[in-house]
Amino acid sequence: MLKYKKLLPLFLVQFFTWLGLFSLWIYATPVISKYFFNTVNAESIDFEKGTQWVGICFALYSVLGASLTFALHKILKRKSKYAVHSVALFFGGLGLISMNFIHSKYLLLLSFVFIGIAWSSISTTPYLLVGEMAPDEESEKYYSVFNFSTFIPQAIAAFLLAFMTKSLFHGEMIKTIMSGGIFMITASAISMIISITEPKTEIQKTVDDETQPE
């Protein structure tokens, strides 16, 4: 397993990233129904409207994330992948935290725009990083090990987020989502630290030289 140690910093970024995502995926429907449609009754019309709005919000960040991927690939060719990923995660964290301070369902769409920016990188950049780390003959093994960076946070989130909601936030699930934002910003900070400390590749050195004034 020591040969996979290069994945450990990325595992740490992934751990906090996915805790943030799971806080959204688990609690988005009850939170949006309660705080934006003023109901906790799952059989009410307003709850159904809240559920539909969740679908719109999720569709927005998914489509936006997929659309931004094309521009993201161009940026990743010229900039540190960890730095770009850090910026995207920071936007995602802001999106999650902002849900605690927004009272309009339409302004809520802005939160999901930020989350869409993060999703564009979450669904792309880590896999490119693994591809750079893995020797050609062992790429499948590296990707198999990397999959644990999603499974482990999922297992922990099931218990940790429920504990936080019940014991720390007294059932206020929107606070759990806000905590998810803090987790994601933590991932952003770790990713930026890695970017600052990682050695530059030859491509990055060439780009830096080209952008410096003569």
C-alpha atoms as a PDB file:
ATOM      1  CA  MET A   1       0.000   0.000   0.000  1.00  0.00           C
ATOM      2  CA  LEU A   2       2.989   2.324   0.399  1.00  0.00           C
ATOM      3  CA  LYS A   3       3.161   2.795  -3.353  1.00  0.00           C
ATOM      4  CA  TYR A   4      -0.213   4.548  -3.178  1.00  0.00           C
ATOM      5  CA  LYS A   5       0.986   7.109  -0.624  1.00  0.00           C
ATOM      6  CA  LYS A   6       0.944   9.802  -3.321  1.00  0.00           C
ATOM      7  CA  LEU A   7      -2.857   9.569  -3.152  1.00  0.00           C
ATOM      8  CA  LEU A   8      -3.037  10.446   0.555  1.00  0.00           C
ATOM      9  CA  PRO A   9      -3.143  14.276   0.193  1.00  0.00           C
ATOM     10  CA  LEU A  10      -5.888  13.925  -2.401  1.00  0.00           C
ATOM     11  CA  PHE A  11      -7.720  11.496  -0.101  1.00  0.00           C
ATOM     12  CA  LEU A  12      -7.764  14.202   2.575  1.00  0.00           C
ATOM     13  CA  VAL A  13      -9.207  16.744   0.149  1.00  0.00           C
ATOM     14  CA  GLN A  14     -11.792  14.216  -0.982  1.00  0.00           C
ATOM     15  CA  PHE A  15     -12.785  13.334   2.574  1.00  0.00           C
ATOM     16  CA  PHE A  16     -13.882  16.863   3.493  1.00  0.00           C
ATOM     17  CA  THR A  17     -15.305  17.513   0.019  1.00  0.00           C
ATOM     18  CA  TRP A  18     -17.640  14.539   0.155  1.00  0.00           C
ATOM     19  CA  LEU A  19     -18.749  15.263   3.710  1.00  0.00           C
ATOM     20  CA  GLY A  20     -19.939  18.601   2.331  1.00  0.00           C
ATOM     21  CA  LEU A  21     -21.695  16.981  -0.608  1.00  0.00           C
ATOM     22  CA  PHE A  22     -23.407  14.354   1.521  1.00  0.00           C
ATOM     23  CA  SER A  23     -24.710  17.044   3.880  1.00  0.00           C
ATOM     24  CA  LEU A  24     -26.463  18.562   0.867  1.00  0.00           C
ATOM     25  CA  TRP A  25     -27.710  15.325  -0.649  1.00  0.00           C
ATOM     26  CA  ILE A  26     -29.099  14.000   2.642  1.00  0.00           C
ATOM     27  CA  TYR A  27     -30.736  17.163   3.965  1.00  0.00           C
ATOM     28  CA  ALA A  28     -31.595  19.322   0.928  1.00  0.00           C
ATOM     29  CA  THR A  29     -35.230  18.199   0.642  1.00  0.00           C
ATOM     30  CA  PRO A  30     -36.260  18.652   4.304  1.00  0.00           C
ATOM     31  CA  VAL A  31     -34.272  21.892   4.592  1.00  0.00           C
ATOM     32  CA  ILE A  32     -35.654  23.548   1.464  1.00  0.00           C
ATOM     33  CA  SER A  33     -39.200  22.407   2.278  1.00  0.00           C
ATOM     34  CA  LYS A  34     -38.974  23.718   5.831  1.00  0.00           C
ATOM     35  CA  TYR A  35     -37.079  26.976   5.400  1.00  0.00           C
ATOM     36  CA  PHE A  36     -38.212  28.040   1.929  1.00  0.00           C
ATOM     37  CA  PHE A  37     -41.714  26.537   1.711  1.00  0.00           C
ATOM     38  CA  ASN A  38     -42.569  26.662   5.435  1.00  0.00           C
ATOM     39  CA  THR A  39     -43.655  23.069   5.910  1.00  0.00           C
ATOM     40  CA  VAL A  40     -42.424  19.837   7.444  1.00  0.00           C
ATOM     41  CA  ASN A  41     -45.549  17.898   6.516  1.00  0.00           C
ATOM     42  CA  ALA A  42     -44.488  15.421   3.847  1.00  0.00           C
ATOM     43  CA  GLU A  43     -48.110  15.060   2.707  1.00  0.00           C
ATOM     44  CA  SER A  44     -48.757  18.755   2.131  1.00  0.00           C
ATOM     45  CA  ILE A  45     -48.840  20.547  -1.217  1.00  0.00           C
ATOM     46  CA  ASP A  46     -46.117  22.937  -0.075  1.00  0.00           C
ATOM     47  CA  PHE A  47     -43.814  20.009   0.703  1.00  0.00           C
ATOM     48  CA  GLU A  48     -44.400  18.709  -2.809  1.00  0.00           C
ATOM     49  CA  LYS A  49     -43.525  22.165  -4.156  1.00  0.00           C
ATOM     50  CA  GLY A  50     -40.384  22.128  -2.041  1.00  0.00           C
ATOM     51  CA  THR A  51     -39.417  18.734  -3.424  1.00  0.00           C
ATOM     52  CA  GLN A  52     -39.928  20.003  -6.951  1.00  0.00           C
ATOM     53  CA  TRP A  53     -37.747  23.030  -6.215  1.00  0.00           C
ATOM     54  CA  VAL A  54     -35.030  20.729  -4.916  1.00  0.00           C
ATOM     55  CA  GLY A  55     -35.171  18.962  -8.274  1.00  0.00           C
ATOM     56  CA  ILE A  56     -34.767  22.279 -10.084  1.00  0.00           C
ATOM     57  CA  CYS A  57     -31.834  23.281  -7.867  1.00  0.00           C
ATOM     58  CA  PHE A  58     -30.098  19.939  -8.343  1.00  0.00           C
ATOM     59  CA  ALA A  59     -30.669  20.052 -12.091  1.00  0.00           C
ATOM     60  CA  LEU A  60     -29.175  23.559 -12.168  1.00  0.00           C
ATOM     61  CA  TYR A  61     -25.929  22.601 -10.467  1.00  0.00           C
ATOM     62  CA  SER A  62     -25.629  19.366 -12.453  1.00  0.00           C
ATOM     63  CA  VAL A  63     -26.115  21.041 -15.844  1.00  0.00           C
ATOM     64  CA  LEU A  64     -23.896  23.965 -14.890  1.00  0.00           C
ATOM     65  CA  GLY A  65     -21.192  21.622 -13.627  1.00  0.00           C
ATOM     66  CA  ALA A  66     -21.250  19.631 -16.855  1.00  0.00           C
ATOM     67  CA  SER A  67     -21.184  22.793 -18.964  1.00  0.00           C
ATOM     68  CA  LEU A  68     -18.237  24.313 -17.107  1.00  0.00           C
ATOM     69  CA  THR A  69     -16.188  21.154 -17.543  1.00  0.00           C
ATOM     70  CA  PHE A  70     -15.172  22.212 -21.067  1.00  0.00           C
ATOM     71  CA  ALA A  71     -13.746  25.529 -19.878  1.00  0.00           C
ATOM     72  CA  LEU A  72     -12.250  23.829 -16.843  1.00  0.00           C
ATOM     73  CA  HIS A  73     -10.128  21.492 -18.960  1.00  0.00           C
ATOM     74  CA  LYS A  74      -8.533  24.494 -20.679  1.00  0.00           C
ATOM     75  CA  ILE A  75      -7.738  26.131 -17.352  1.00  0.00           C
ATOM     76  CA  LEU A  76      -6.302  22.920 -15.898  1.00  0.00           C
ATOM     77  CA  LYS A  77      -3.814  22.690 -18.751  1.00  0.00           C
ATOM     78  CA  ARG A  78      -2.247  26.004 -17.713  1.00  0.00           C
ATOM     79  CA  LYS A  79      -2.713  26.157 -13.964  1.00  0.00           C
ATOM     80  CA  SER A  80      -2.018  23.940 -10.960  1.00  0.00           C
ATOM     81  CA  LYS A  81      -4.830  21.418 -10.738  1.00  0.00           C
ATOM     82  CA  TYR A  82      -4.840  21.580  -6.958  1.00  0.00           C
ATOM     83  CA  ALA A  83      -5.101  25.396  -7.054  1.00  0.00           C
ATOM     84  CA  VAL A  84      -7.973  25.359  -9.543  1.00  0.00           C
ATOM     85  CA  HIS A  85      -9.712  22.670  -7.508  1.00  0.00           C
ATOM     86  CA  SER A  86      -9.244  24.767  -4.370  1.00  0.00           C
ATOM     87  CA  VAL A  87     -10.975  27.780  -5.913  1.00  0.00           C
ATOM     88  CA  ALA A  88     -13.870  25.644  -7.149  1.00  0.00           C
ATOM     89  CA  LEU A  89     -14.312  24.013  -3.726  1.00  0.00           C
ATOM     90  CA  PHE A  90     -14.285  27.427  -2.076  1.00  0.00           C
ATOM     91  CA  PHE A  91     -17.239  28.478  -4.251  1.00  0.00           C
ATOM     92  CA  GLY A  92     -19.013  25.244  -3.331  1.00  0.00           C
ATOM     93  CA  GLY A  93     -18.465  25.881   0.353  1.00  0.00           C
ATOM     94  CA  LEU A  94     -19.860  29.405   0.004  1.00  0.00           C
ATOM     95  CA  GLY A  95     -22.887  27.978  -1.784  1.00  0.00           C
ATOM     96  CA  LEU A  96     -23.654  25.596   1.062  1.00  0.00           C
ATOM     97  CA  ILE A  97     -23.060  28.165   3.805  1.00  0.00           C
ATOM     98  CA  SER A  98     -25.157  30.817   2.039  1.00  0.00           C
ATOM     99  CA  MET A  99     -28.254  28.617   2.303  1.00  0.00           C
ATOM    100  CA  ASN A 100     -28.375  29.493   5.989  1.00  0.00           C
ATOM    101  CA  PHE A 101     -28.716  33.201   5.222  1.00  0.00           C
ATOM    102  CA  ILE A 102     -31.008  33.196   2.178  1.00  0.00           C
ATOM    103  CA  HIS A 103     -34.785  33.437   2.540  1.00  0.00           C
ATOM    104  CA  SER A 104     -35.886  33.562  -1.109  1.00  0.00           C
ATOM    105  CA  LYS A 105     -36.217  30.409  -3.173  1.00  0.00           C
ATOM    106  CA  TYR A 106     -35.009  32.371  -6.199  1.00  0.00           C
ATOM    107  CA  LEU A 107     -31.863  33.596  -4.467  1.00  0.00           C
ATOM    108  CA  LEU A 108     -31.333  29.980  -3.454  1.00  0.00           C
ATOM    109  CA  LEU A 109     -30.541  29.303  -7.105  1.00  0.00           C
ATOM    110  CA  LEU A 110     -27.405  31.431  -6.675  1.00  0.00           C
ATOM    111  CA  SER A 111     -26.242  29.063  -3.950  1.00  0.00           C
ATOM    112  CA  PHE A 112     -26.601  26.187  -6.383  1.00  0.00           C
ATOM    113  CA  VAL A 113     -24.702  28.094  -9.071  1.00  0.00           C
ATOM    114  CA  PHE A 114     -21.753  28.164  -6.660  1.00  0.00           C
ATOM    115  CA  ILE A 115     -22.254  24.465  -5.943  1.00  0.00           C
ATOM    116  CA  GLY A 116     -22.296  23.823  -9.704  1.00  0.00           C
ATOM    117  CA  ILE A 117     -18.884  25.494 -10.009  1.00  0.00           C
ATOM    118  CA  ALA A 118     -17.558  23.129  -7.354  1.00  0.00           C
ATOM    119  CA  TRP A 119     -19.213  20.103  -8.958  1.00  0.00           C
ATOM    120  CA  SER A 120     -17.542  20.808 -12.294  1.00  0.00           C
ATOM    121  CA  SER A 121     -14.163  20.339 -10.617  1.00  0.00           C
ATOM    122  CA  ILE A 122     -15.167  17.584  -8.173  1.00  0.00           C
ATOM    123  CA  SER A 123     -16.302  15.381 -11.042  1.00  0.00           C
ATOM    124  CA  THR A 124     -13.183  16.060 -13.117  1.00  0.00           C
ATOM    125  CA  THR A 125     -10.027  17.308 -11.404  1.00  0.00           C
ATOM    126  CA  PRO A 126      -9.383  14.508  -8.863  1.00  0.00           C
ATOM    127  CA  TYR A 127      -9.476  11.908 -11.635  1.00  0.00           C
ATOM    128  CA  LEU A 128      -6.995  13.905 -13.709  1.00  0.00           C
ATOM    129  CA  LEU A 129      -4.724  14.119 -10.677  1.00  0.00           C
ATOM    130  CA  VAL A 130      -4.877  10.357 -10.175  1.00  0.00           C
ATOM    131  CA  GLY A 131      -4.072   9.883 -13.853  1.00  0.00           C
ATOM    132  CA  GLU A 132      -0.931  11.979 -13.410  1.00  0.00           C
ATOM    133  CA  MET A 133       0.162  10.025 -10.344  1.00  0.00           C
ATOM    134  CA  ALA A 134      -0.455   6.523 -11.681  1.00  0.00           C
ATOM    135  CA  PRO A 135       2.094   4.659 -13.791  1.00  0.00           C
ATOM    136  CA  ASP A 136       0.523   3.622 -17.099  1.00  0.00           C
ATOM    137  CA  GLU A 137       0.648  -0.072 -16.267  1.00  0.00           C
ATOM    138  CA  GLU A 138      -1.062   0.447 -12.870  1.00  0.00           C
ATOM    139  CA  SER A 139      -3.639   3.095 -13.647  1.00  0.00           C
ATOM    140  CA  GLU A 140      -6.586   0.758 -13.042  1.00  0.00           C
ATOM    141  CA  LYS A 141      -5.251  -0.176  -9.603  1.00  0.00           C
ATOM    142  CA  TYR A 142      -4.789   3.491  -8.688  1.00  0.00           C
ATOM    143  CA  TYR A 143      -8.327   4.344  -9.733  1.00  0.00           C
ATOM    144  CA  SER A 144      -9.649   1.358  -7.761  1.00  0.00           C
ATOM    145  CA  VAL A 145      -7.865   2.543  -4.624  1.00  0.00           C
ATOM    146  CA  PHE A 146      -9.012   6.101  -5.286  1.00  0.00           C
ATOM    147  CA  ASN A 147     -12.648   4.970  -5.203  1.00  0.00           C
ATOM    148  CA  PHE A 148     -12.284   4.514  -1.445  1.00  0.00           C
ATOM    149  CA  SER A 149     -12.008   8.313  -1.165  1.00  0.00           C
ATOM    150  CA  THR A 150     -15.740   8.369  -1.908  1.00  0.00           C
ATOM    151  CA  PHE A 151     -16.839   5.269  -0.003  1.00  0.00           C
ATOM    152  CA  ILE A 152     -15.122   6.166   3.275  1.00  0.00           C
ATOM    153  CA  PRO A 153     -16.706   9.650   3.647  1.00  0.00           C
ATOM    154  CA  GLN A 154     -20.074   8.154   2.700  1.00  0.00           C
ATOM    155  CA  ALA A 155     -19.855   5.632   5.529  1.00  0.00           C
ATOM    156  CA  ILE A 156     -18.705   8.257   8.030  1.00  0.00           C
ATOM    157  CA  ALA A 157     -21.260  10.847   6.898  1.00  0.00           C
ATOM    158  CA  ALA A 158     -24.160   8.524   7.695  1.00  0.00           C
ATOM    159  CA  PHE A 159     -23.228   8.619  11.378  1.00  0.00           C
ATOM    160  CA  LEU A 160     -21.391  11.928  11.772  1.00  0.00           C
ATOM    161  CA  LEU A 161     -23.966  14.180  10.116  1.00  0.00           C
ATOM    162  CA  ALA A 162     -26.843  12.520  11.969  1.00  0.00           C
ATOM    163  CA  PHE A 163     -24.983  12.985  15.264  1.00  0.00           C
ATOM    164  CA  MET A 164     -24.252  16.634  14.490  1.00  0.00           C
ATOM    165  CA  THR A 165     -27.866  17.316  13.537  1.00  0.00           C
ATOM    166  CA  LYS A 166     -29.312  15.732  16.649  1.00  0.00           C
ATOM    167  CA  SER A 167     -26.744  16.505  19.335  1.00  0.00           C
ATOM    168  CA  LEU A 168     -25.128  19.758  18.200  1.00  0.00           C
ATOM    169  CA  PHE A 169     -27.829  21.505  16.168  1.00  0.00           C
ATOM    170  CA  HIS A 170     -30.952  20.151  17.941  1.00  0.00           C
ATOM    171  CA  GLY A 171     -32.596  19.102  14.709  1.00  0.00           C
ATOM    172  CA  GLU A 172     -31.799  22.267  12.718  1.00  0.00           C
ATOM    173  CA  MET A 173     -30.716  20.528   9.532  1.00  0.00           C
ATOM    174  CA  ILE A 174     -29.821  23.774   7.793  1.00  0.00           C
ATOM    175  CA  LYS A 175     -26.971  24.091  10.291  1.00  0.00           C
ATOM    176  CA  THR A 176     -25.756  20.692   9.148  1.00  0.00           C
ATOM    177  CA  ILE A 177     -25.651  21.898   5.547  1.00  0.00           C
ATOM    178  CA  MET A 178     -23.798  25.018   6.671  1.00  0.00           C
ATOM    179  CA  SER A 179     -21.293  22.733   8.413  1.00  0.00           C
ATOM    180  CA  GLY A 180     -20.991  20.887   5.113  1.00  0.00           C
ATOM    181  CA  GLY A 181     -19.924  24.198   3.608  1.00  0.00           C
ATOM    182  CA  ILE A 182     -17.260  24.548   6.269  1.00  0.00           C
ATOM    183  CA  PHE A 183     -16.058  21.028   5.479  1.00  0.00           C
ATOM    184  CA  MET A 184     -15.810  21.941   1.797  1.00  0.00           C
ATOM    185  CA  ILE A 185     -13.873  25.144   2.512  1.00  0.00           C
ATOM    186  CA  THR A 186     -11.547  23.041   4.665  1.00  0.00           C
ATOM    187  CA  ALA A 187     -10.999  20.828   1.617  1.00  0.00           C
ATOM    188  CA  SER A 188     -10.339  23.980  -0.412  1.00  0.00           C
ATOM    189  CA  ALA A 189      -7.688  25.141   2.066  1.00  0.00           C
ATOM    190  CA  ILE A 190      -5.963  21.747   2.053  1.00  0.00           C
ATOM    191  CA  SER A 191      -5.962  21.693  -1.740  1.00  0.00           C
ATOM    192  CA  MET A 192      -4.398  25.163  -1.885  1.00  0.00           C
ATOM    193  CA  ILE A 193      -1.696  24.151   0.622  1.00  0.00           C
ATOM    194  CA  ILE A 194      -0.872  21.143  -1.555  1.00  0.00           C
ATOM    195  CA  SER A 195      -0.728  23.421  -4.605  1.00  0.00           C
ATOM    196  CA  ILE A 196       1.712  25.765  -2.902  1.00  0.00           C
ATOM    197  CA  THR A 197       3.981  22.990  -1.675  1.00  0.00           C
ATOM    198  CA  GLU A 198       3.891  20.661  -4.698  1.00  0.00           C
ATOM    199  CA  PRO A 199       6.810  20.809  -7.160  1.00  0.00           C
ATOM    200  CA  LYS A 200       5.955  22.392 -10.493  1.00  0.00           C
ATOM    201  CA  THR A 201       5.697  20.184 -13.532  1.00  0.00           C
ATOM    202  CA  GLU A 202       7.641  20.998 -16.682  1.00  0.00           C
ATOM    203  CA  ILE A 203       4.408  22.162 -18.341  1.00  0.00           C
ATOM    204  CA  GLN A 204       3.696  24.595 -15.508  1.00  0.00           C
ATOM    205  CA  LYS A 205       7.242  25.933 -15.655  1.00  0.00           C
ATOM    206  CA  THR A 206       6.915  26.512 -19.383  1.00  0.00           C
ATOM    207  CA  VAL A 207       3.582  28.316 -18.955  1.00  0.00           C
ATOM    208  CA  ASP A 208       5.008  30.494 -16.184  1.00  0.00           C
ATOM    209  CA  ASP A 209       7.970  31.417 -18.373  1.00  0.00           C
ATOM    210  CA  GLU A 210       5.682  32.317 -21.263  1.00  0.00           C
ATOM    211  CA  THR A 211       3.498  34.574 -19.084  1.00  0.00           C
ATOM    212  CA  GLN A 212       6.386  36.489 -17.519  1.00  0.00           C
ATOM    213  CA  PRO A 213       7.089  39.925 -19.084  1.00  0.00           C
ATOM    214  CA  GLU A 214      10.319  40.208 -21.060  1.00  0.00           C
END
